[in-house]
N, C-alpha and C. Protein backbone atom coordinates (compact mmCIF):
# COMPACT_ATOMS: atom_id res chain seq x y z
N MET A 1 -88.95 51.35 42.74
CA MET A 1 -88.57 50.04 42.25
C MET A 1 -89.71 49.06 42.50
N HIS A 2 -89.97 48.20 41.53
CA HIS A 2 -91.01 47.20 41.65
C HIS A 2 -90.41 45.86 42.07
N TYR A 3 -91.22 45.06 42.70
CA TYR A 3 -90.84 43.71 43.09
C TYR A 3 -91.86 42.73 42.52
N PHE A 4 -91.44 41.50 42.38
CA PHE A 4 -92.28 40.46 41.82
C PHE A 4 -92.28 39.23 42.73
N THR A 5 -93.42 38.59 42.83
CA THR A 5 -93.50 37.25 43.38
C THR A 5 -93.64 36.35 42.16
N TYR A 6 -92.89 35.27 42.14
CA TYR A 6 -92.89 34.40 40.97
C TYR A 6 -92.98 32.94 41.37
N MET A 7 -93.40 32.13 40.40
CA MET A 7 -93.45 30.68 40.60
C MET A 7 -92.75 30.02 39.44
N LEU A 8 -91.87 29.08 39.77
CA LEU A 8 -91.13 28.33 38.78
C LEU A 8 -91.62 26.90 38.73
N LYS A 9 -91.45 26.30 37.56
CA LYS A 9 -91.74 24.87 37.38
C LYS A 9 -90.48 24.23 36.84
N SER A 10 -90.13 23.08 37.40
CA SER A 10 -88.95 22.37 36.93
C SER A 10 -89.23 21.77 35.55
N VAL A 11 -88.28 21.93 34.64
CA VAL A 11 -88.39 21.33 33.32
C VAL A 11 -87.39 20.20 33.17
N SER A 12 -86.73 19.83 34.27
CA SER A 12 -85.82 18.69 34.26
C SER A 12 -86.63 17.41 34.11
N PRO A 13 -86.15 16.47 33.28
CA PRO A 13 -86.89 15.22 33.07
C PRO A 13 -87.12 14.46 34.37
N GLY A 14 -88.33 13.95 34.55
CA GLY A 14 -88.65 13.12 35.69
C GLY A 14 -88.91 13.86 36.99
N THR A 15 -89.05 15.18 36.94
CA THR A 15 -89.32 15.93 38.18
C THR A 15 -90.63 16.70 38.05
N LYS A 16 -91.27 16.86 39.19
CA LYS A 16 -92.51 17.65 39.27
C LYS A 16 -92.36 18.60 40.44
N LYS A 17 -91.44 19.53 40.33
CA LYS A 17 -91.16 20.48 41.41
C LYS A 17 -91.62 21.87 41.02
N THR A 18 -92.01 22.62 42.04
CA THR A 18 -92.28 24.05 41.86
C THR A 18 -91.50 24.80 42.92
N TYR A 19 -91.30 26.08 42.66
CA TYR A 19 -90.59 26.94 43.60
C TYR A 19 -91.24 28.31 43.56
N VAL A 20 -91.40 28.93 44.71
CA VAL A 20 -91.97 30.28 44.80
C VAL A 20 -90.95 31.19 45.46
N GLY A 21 -90.78 32.39 44.89
CA GLY A 21 -89.85 33.36 45.46
C GLY A 21 -90.26 34.78 45.10
N TYR A 22 -89.42 35.73 45.51
CA TYR A 22 -89.66 37.13 45.13
C TYR A 22 -88.34 37.74 44.70
N THR A 23 -88.42 38.78 43.88
CA THR A 23 -87.23 39.43 43.35
C THR A 23 -87.61 40.78 42.77
N ASN A 24 -86.60 41.57 42.43
CA ASN A 24 -86.86 42.82 41.70
C ASN A 24 -86.44 42.69 40.24
N ASP A 25 -85.90 41.52 39.85
CA ASP A 25 -85.50 41.26 38.46
C ASP A 25 -85.69 39.78 38.15
N ILE A 26 -86.81 39.44 37.56
CA ILE A 26 -87.14 38.04 37.31
C ILE A 26 -86.13 37.38 36.37
N ARG A 27 -85.73 38.07 35.33
CA ARG A 27 -84.80 37.49 34.35
C ARG A 27 -83.49 37.08 35.01
N LYS A 28 -82.91 37.99 35.80
CA LYS A 28 -81.65 37.68 36.48
C LYS A 28 -81.82 36.56 37.50
N ARG A 29 -82.94 36.56 38.19
CA ARG A 29 -83.18 35.53 39.20
C ARG A 29 -83.32 34.15 38.57
N LEU A 30 -83.99 34.07 37.42
CA LEU A 30 -84.13 32.79 36.72
C LEU A 30 -82.77 32.28 36.26
N ILE A 31 -81.93 33.18 35.79
CA ILE A 31 -80.57 32.79 35.38
C ILE A 31 -79.81 32.21 36.58
N LYS A 32 -79.96 32.83 37.74
CA LYS A 32 -79.30 32.31 38.95
C LYS A 32 -79.82 30.91 39.30
N HIS A 33 -81.13 30.74 39.26
CA HIS A 33 -81.69 29.42 39.58
C HIS A 33 -81.16 28.36 38.60
N ASN A 34 -81.12 28.70 37.32
CA ASN A 34 -80.69 27.72 36.32
C ASN A 34 -79.19 27.50 36.27
N SER A 35 -78.41 28.36 36.93
CA SER A 35 -76.96 28.16 36.98
C SER A 35 -76.52 27.65 38.35
N ASN A 36 -77.47 27.15 39.13
CA ASN A 36 -77.21 26.56 40.46
C ASN A 36 -76.64 27.54 41.47
N THR A 37 -76.90 28.83 41.30
CA THR A 37 -76.47 29.82 42.29
C THR A 37 -77.67 30.50 42.95
N GLY A 38 -78.86 29.95 42.72
CA GLY A 38 -80.07 30.48 43.34
C GLY A 38 -80.30 29.81 44.68
N ALA A 39 -81.54 29.62 45.02
CA ALA A 39 -81.91 29.00 46.29
C ALA A 39 -81.42 27.55 46.35
N LYS A 40 -81.09 27.11 47.54
CA LYS A 40 -80.57 25.76 47.75
C LYS A 40 -81.49 24.68 47.17
N SER A 41 -82.79 24.86 47.36
CA SER A 41 -83.74 23.84 46.91
C SER A 41 -83.92 23.79 45.39
N THR A 42 -83.37 24.76 44.66
CA THR A 42 -83.51 24.76 43.20
C THR A 42 -82.27 24.22 42.50
N LYS A 43 -81.23 23.92 43.24
CA LYS A 43 -79.98 23.45 42.62
C LYS A 43 -80.15 22.07 42.00
N GLY A 44 -79.54 21.92 40.83
CA GLY A 44 -79.59 20.64 40.14
C GLY A 44 -80.76 20.46 39.21
N TYR A 45 -81.61 21.48 39.08
CA TYR A 45 -82.77 21.42 38.21
C TYR A 45 -82.76 22.60 37.25
N LYS A 46 -83.47 22.45 36.15
CA LYS A 46 -83.68 23.55 35.22
C LYS A 46 -85.12 24.03 35.40
N TRP A 47 -85.31 25.35 35.32
CA TRP A 47 -86.58 25.97 35.67
C TRP A 47 -87.11 26.87 34.57
N GLU A 48 -88.44 27.06 34.60
CA GLU A 48 -89.09 28.06 33.76
C GLU A 48 -90.10 28.81 34.63
N VAL A 49 -90.27 30.08 34.33
CA VAL A 49 -91.25 30.90 35.06
C VAL A 49 -92.63 30.58 34.51
N ILE A 50 -93.55 30.22 35.41
CA ILE A 50 -94.91 29.93 34.97
C ILE A 50 -95.91 30.95 35.50
N TYR A 51 -95.45 31.83 36.41
CA TYR A 51 -96.35 32.83 36.98
C TYR A 51 -95.52 33.93 37.63
N PHE A 52 -95.98 35.17 37.50
CA PHE A 52 -95.42 36.26 38.29
C PHE A 52 -96.46 37.34 38.50
N LYS A 53 -96.30 38.06 39.58
CA LYS A 53 -97.21 39.17 39.93
C LYS A 53 -96.35 40.33 40.40
N LYS A 54 -96.67 41.52 39.91
CA LYS A 54 -95.89 42.73 40.20
C LYS A 54 -96.46 43.46 41.42
N PHE A 55 -95.55 43.99 42.26
CA PHE A 55 -95.93 44.74 43.45
C PHE A 55 -95.16 46.05 43.53
N LYS A 56 -95.72 46.99 44.26
CA LYS A 56 -95.11 48.31 44.41
C LYS A 56 -93.90 48.31 45.34
N ASN A 57 -93.88 47.36 46.28
CA ASN A 57 -92.77 47.34 47.23
C ASN A 57 -92.43 45.91 47.67
N LYS A 58 -91.30 45.79 48.32
CA LYS A 58 -90.78 44.49 48.75
C LYS A 58 -91.70 43.81 49.76
N HIS A 59 -92.25 44.57 50.67
CA HIS A 59 -93.12 44.01 51.70
C HIS A 59 -94.34 43.31 51.09
N GLU A 60 -94.98 43.95 50.11
CA GLU A 60 -96.14 43.35 49.46
C GLU A 60 -95.76 42.07 48.73
N ALA A 61 -94.62 42.08 48.05
CA ALA A 61 -94.16 40.89 47.33
C ALA A 61 -93.85 39.75 48.29
N MET A 62 -93.21 40.06 49.41
CA MET A 62 -92.89 39.04 50.40
C MET A 62 -94.15 38.47 51.05
N SER A 63 -95.13 39.31 51.30
CA SER A 63 -96.39 38.85 51.89
C SER A 63 -97.10 37.89 50.94
N PHE A 64 -97.15 38.24 49.66
CA PHE A 64 -97.81 37.37 48.70
C PHE A 64 -97.01 36.08 48.50
N GLU A 65 -95.69 36.18 48.53
CA GLU A 65 -94.84 34.97 48.43
C GLU A 65 -95.20 34.00 49.56
N TYR A 66 -95.33 34.51 50.77
CA TYR A 66 -95.68 33.67 51.91
C TYR A 66 -97.04 33.00 51.69
N LYS A 67 -98.02 33.77 51.23
CA LYS A 67 -99.36 33.21 50.98
C LYS A 67 -99.30 32.12 49.91
N LEU A 68 -98.58 32.39 48.83
CA LEU A 68 -98.50 31.43 47.73
C LEU A 68 -97.75 30.16 48.15
N LYS A 69 -96.69 30.30 48.91
CA LYS A 69 -95.94 29.13 49.38
C LYS A 69 -96.81 28.25 50.27
N ASN A 70 -97.73 28.83 51.00
CA ASN A 70 -98.53 28.08 51.95
C ASN A 70 -99.93 27.73 51.46
N ASN A 71 -100.24 28.06 50.21
CA ASN A 71 -101.55 27.77 49.66
C ASN A 71 -101.39 26.76 48.51
N ARG A 72 -101.41 25.50 48.85
CA ARG A 72 -101.20 24.43 47.87
C ARG A 72 -102.26 24.46 46.77
N TYR A 73 -103.50 24.81 47.12
CA TYR A 73 -104.58 24.88 46.15
C TYR A 73 -104.26 25.91 45.06
N LEU A 74 -103.85 27.11 45.46
CA LEU A 74 -103.51 28.16 44.50
C LEU A 74 -102.32 27.77 43.65
N ARG A 75 -101.30 27.17 44.27
CA ARG A 75 -100.12 26.72 43.50
C ARG A 75 -100.52 25.69 42.45
N ASN A 76 -101.41 24.75 42.81
CA ASN A 76 -101.85 23.75 41.85
C ASN A 76 -102.67 24.36 40.73
N GLN A 77 -103.48 25.37 41.04
CA GLN A 77 -104.23 26.08 40.00
C GLN A 77 -103.28 26.71 38.98
N ILE A 78 -102.24 27.39 39.49
CA ILE A 78 -101.26 28.03 38.61
C ILE A 78 -100.54 26.98 37.78
N LEU A 79 -100.14 25.90 38.40
CA LEU A 79 -99.42 24.83 37.72
C LEU A 79 -100.28 24.21 36.62
N ASN A 80 -101.55 24.00 36.89
CA ASN A 80 -102.43 23.39 35.89
C ASN A 80 -102.72 24.30 34.70
N LYS A 81 -102.58 25.61 34.90
CA LYS A 81 -102.79 26.57 33.80
C LYS A 81 -101.57 26.69 32.90
N SER A 82 -100.40 26.28 33.41
CA SER A 82 -99.15 26.46 32.63
C SER A 82 -98.98 25.39 31.57
């Protein structure tokens, strides 16, 4: 089974939020975020996937998620490309 680290951008009017997470099914996870049953910090907003990276296992995806969450420069690069 493959895992993904992904980055979302809020498409709700007047917001400039991003969110980083990991999953084994990006489509299902995006549906959860957009139906307010995803992560607490994503509730009340509508999201679109602006980046994802595929990994062979959960550990690799979680490690990259941690790096991406803590690297504001990389997050801004991804955001500016979207």
